[in-house]
């Protein structure tokens, strides 16, 4: 089995980060695609912020 190229954050860390920064920003930080972040969320069973969340809530 191949080793991962990027080390995933823990479920708790990822969940916290998702509500602090947009997915595209997290993807750049980890050097992966936005789709990879979505897959991590699906694997962990984490709910992402809804579409348009970052446009309505300019927290970043």
N, C-alpha and C. Protein backbone atom coordinates (compact mmCIF):
# COMPACT_ATOMS: atom_id res chain seq x y z
N UNK A 1 0.84 -1.18 0.00
CA UNK A 1 0.00 0.00 0.00
C UNK A 1 0.88 1.24 0.00
N UNK A 2 0.49 2.23 -0.80
CA UNK A 2 1.26 3.47 -0.90
C UNK A 2 1.06 4.35 0.32
N UNK A 3 2.10 5.05 0.67
CA UNK A 3 2.00 6.03 1.76
C UNK A 3 1.36 7.30 1.20
N UNK A 4 0.65 8.01 2.03
CA UNK A 4 0.05 9.27 1.61
C UNK A 4 1.12 10.31 1.35
N UNK A 5 0.86 11.14 0.35
CA UNK A 5 1.80 12.22 0.05
C UNK A 5 1.63 13.38 1.01
N UNK A 6 0.38 13.56 1.48
CA UNK A 6 0.07 14.66 2.40
C UNK A 6 -0.54 14.05 3.65
N UNK A 7 -0.07 14.48 4.78
CA UNK A 7 -0.61 14.00 6.05
C UNK A 7 -1.90 14.75 6.36
N UNK A 8 -2.96 14.01 6.57
CA UNK A 8 -4.26 14.61 6.89
C UNK A 8 -4.29 15.12 8.32
N UNK A 9 -5.02 16.20 8.54
CA UNK A 9 -5.22 16.64 9.93
C UNK A 9 -6.21 15.70 10.62
N UNK A 10 -6.27 15.75 11.93
CA UNK A 10 -7.23 14.92 12.65
C UNK A 10 -8.64 15.45 12.37
N UNK A 11 -9.63 14.67 12.72
CA UNK A 11 -11.02 15.06 12.50
C UNK A 11 -11.32 16.38 13.19
N UNK A 12 -10.91 16.51 14.43
CA UNK A 12 -11.19 17.71 15.21
C UNK A 12 -10.51 18.94 14.59
N UNK A 13 -9.25 18.77 14.18
CA UNK A 13 -8.51 19.88 13.57
C UNK A 13 -9.17 20.33 12.27
N UNK A 14 -9.53 19.35 11.43
CA UNK A 14 -10.14 19.67 10.14
C UNK A 14 -11.49 20.37 10.34
N UNK A 15 -12.26 19.87 11.27
CA UNK A 15 -13.58 20.47 11.53
C UNK A 15 -13.43 21.93 11.97
N UNK A 16 -12.46 22.19 12.83
CA UNK A 16 -12.22 23.56 13.30
C UNK A 16 -11.76 24.45 12.14
N UNK A 17 -10.84 23.95 11.33
CA UNK A 17 -10.30 24.73 10.21
C UNK A 17 -11.37 25.05 9.17
N UNK A 18 -12.30 24.11 8.93
CA UNK A 18 -13.34 24.32 7.92
C UNK A 18 -14.23 25.52 8.23
N UNK A 19 -14.42 25.82 9.50
CA UNK A 19 -15.28 26.93 9.89
C UNK A 19 -14.49 28.22 10.09
N UNK A 20 -13.15 28.14 9.96
CA UNK A 20 -12.31 29.32 10.09
C UNK A 20 -11.87 29.89 8.75
N UNK A 21 -11.72 29.00 7.74
CA UNK A 21 -11.21 29.41 6.43
C UNK A 21 -11.96 28.68 5.33
N UNK A 22 -12.06 29.30 4.15
CA UNK A 22 -12.69 28.62 3.01
C UNK A 22 -11.90 27.38 2.60
N UNK A 23 -12.59 26.42 2.01
CA UNK A 23 -11.99 25.15 1.59
C UNK A 23 -10.83 25.38 0.62
N UNK A 24 -10.98 26.34 -0.28
CA UNK A 24 -9.91 26.59 -1.26
C UNK A 24 -8.62 27.05 -0.57
N UNK A 25 -8.76 27.82 0.50
CA UNK A 25 -7.58 28.26 1.25
C UNK A 25 -6.91 27.08 1.95
N UNK A 26 -7.73 26.21 2.54
CA UNK A 26 -7.18 25.03 3.21
C UNK A 26 -6.46 24.13 2.22
N UNK A 27 -7.05 23.99 1.03
CA UNK A 27 -6.45 23.15 -0.01
C UNK A 27 -5.06 23.68 -0.37
N UNK A 28 -4.93 24.99 -0.51
CA UNK A 28 -3.62 25.58 -0.83
C UNK A 28 -2.62 25.34 0.30
N UNK A 29 -3.07 25.48 1.54
CA UNK A 29 -2.18 25.27 2.69
C UNK A 29 -1.64 23.85 2.74
N UNK A 30 -2.50 22.87 2.41
CA UNK A 30 -2.08 21.46 2.45
C UNK A 30 -1.47 20.98 1.14
N UNK A 31 -1.56 21.80 0.09
CA UNK A 31 -1.01 21.42 -1.20
C UNK A 31 -1.83 20.33 -1.89
N UNK A 32 -3.14 20.38 -1.68
CA UNK A 32 -4.05 19.43 -2.31
C UNK A 32 -5.17 20.20 -3.01
N UNK A 33 -6.06 19.47 -3.66
CA UNK A 33 -7.20 20.11 -4.33
C UNK A 33 -8.36 20.28 -3.36
N UNK A 34 -9.31 21.09 -3.75
CA UNK A 34 -10.52 21.27 -2.96
C UNK A 34 -11.30 19.97 -2.86
N UNK A 35 -11.23 19.17 -3.92
CA UNK A 35 -11.91 17.87 -3.94
C UNK A 35 -11.30 16.95 -2.89
N UNK A 36 -10.00 17.02 -2.69
CA UNK A 36 -9.34 16.21 -1.66
C UNK A 36 -9.88 16.58 -0.27
N UNK A 37 -10.05 17.87 -0.03
CA UNK A 37 -10.60 18.32 1.25
C UNK A 37 -12.02 17.77 1.41
N UNK A 38 -12.82 17.82 0.34
CA UNK A 38 -14.18 17.27 0.39
C UNK A 38 -14.16 15.78 0.73
N UNK A 39 -13.23 15.04 0.14
CA UNK A 39 -13.11 13.61 0.42
C UNK A 39 -12.73 13.36 1.87
N UNK A 40 -11.85 14.19 2.41
CA UNK A 40 -11.47 14.04 3.82
C UNK A 40 -12.70 14.24 4.69
N UNK A 41 -13.50 15.25 4.36
CA UNK A 41 -14.72 15.53 5.13
C UNK A 41 -15.67 14.34 5.06
N UNK A 42 -15.81 13.79 3.89
CA UNK A 42 -16.71 12.64 3.72
C UNK A 42 -16.20 11.44 4.53
N UNK A 43 -14.90 11.22 4.50
CA UNK A 43 -14.30 10.12 5.26
C UNK A 43 -14.54 10.28 6.76
N UNK A 44 -14.36 11.50 7.25
CA UNK A 44 -14.54 11.77 8.68
C UNK A 44 -16.00 11.97 9.07
N UNK A 45 -16.88 12.17 8.09
CA UNK A 45 -18.29 12.43 8.40
C UNK A 45 -18.51 13.85 8.90
N UNK A 46 -17.75 14.79 8.36
CA UNK A 46 -17.83 16.20 8.77
C UNK A 46 -18.71 16.96 7.78
N UNK A 47 -19.55 17.82 8.30
CA UNK A 47 -20.40 18.68 7.49
C UNK A 47 -19.63 19.95 7.16
N UNK A 48 -19.50 20.27 5.87
CA UNK A 48 -18.84 21.51 5.46
C UNK A 48 -19.81 22.68 5.58
N UNK A 49 -19.30 23.91 5.68
CA UNK A 49 -20.19 25.07 5.66
C UNK A 49 -20.99 25.07 4.35
N UNK A 50 -22.23 25.54 4.38
CA UNK A 50 -23.05 25.54 3.16
C UNK A 50 -22.50 26.48 2.09
N UNK A 51 -22.92 26.23 0.87
CA UNK A 51 -22.51 27.07 -0.25
C UNK A 51 -22.90 28.52 0.04
N UNK A 52 -21.98 29.44 -0.23
CA UNK A 52 -22.24 30.85 0.01
C UNK A 52 -21.94 31.33 1.42
N UNK A 53 -21.55 30.42 2.30
CA UNK A 53 -21.26 30.78 3.71
C UNK A 53 -20.21 31.88 3.79
N UNK A 54 -19.14 31.75 3.03
CA UNK A 54 -18.04 32.70 3.13
C UNK A 54 -18.37 34.04 2.49
N UNK A 55 -19.31 34.07 1.55
CA UNK A 55 -19.74 35.35 0.97
C UNK A 55 -20.62 36.12 1.95
N UNK A 56 -21.42 35.42 2.71
CA UNK A 56 -22.31 36.05 3.69
C UNK A 56 -21.58 36.44 4.97
N UNK A 57 -20.63 35.62 5.37
CA UNK A 57 -19.93 35.82 6.64
C UNK A 57 -18.44 36.08 6.38
N UNK A 58 -18.10 37.29 6.19
CA UNK A 58 -16.71 37.64 5.88
C UNK A 58 -15.87 37.59 7.15
N UNK A 59 -15.57 36.37 7.62
CA UNK A 59 -14.79 36.18 8.84
C UNK A 59 -13.29 36.12 8.57
N UNK A 60 -12.91 35.91 7.35
CA UNK A 60 -11.49 35.70 7.03
C UNK A 60 -10.81 36.93 6.58
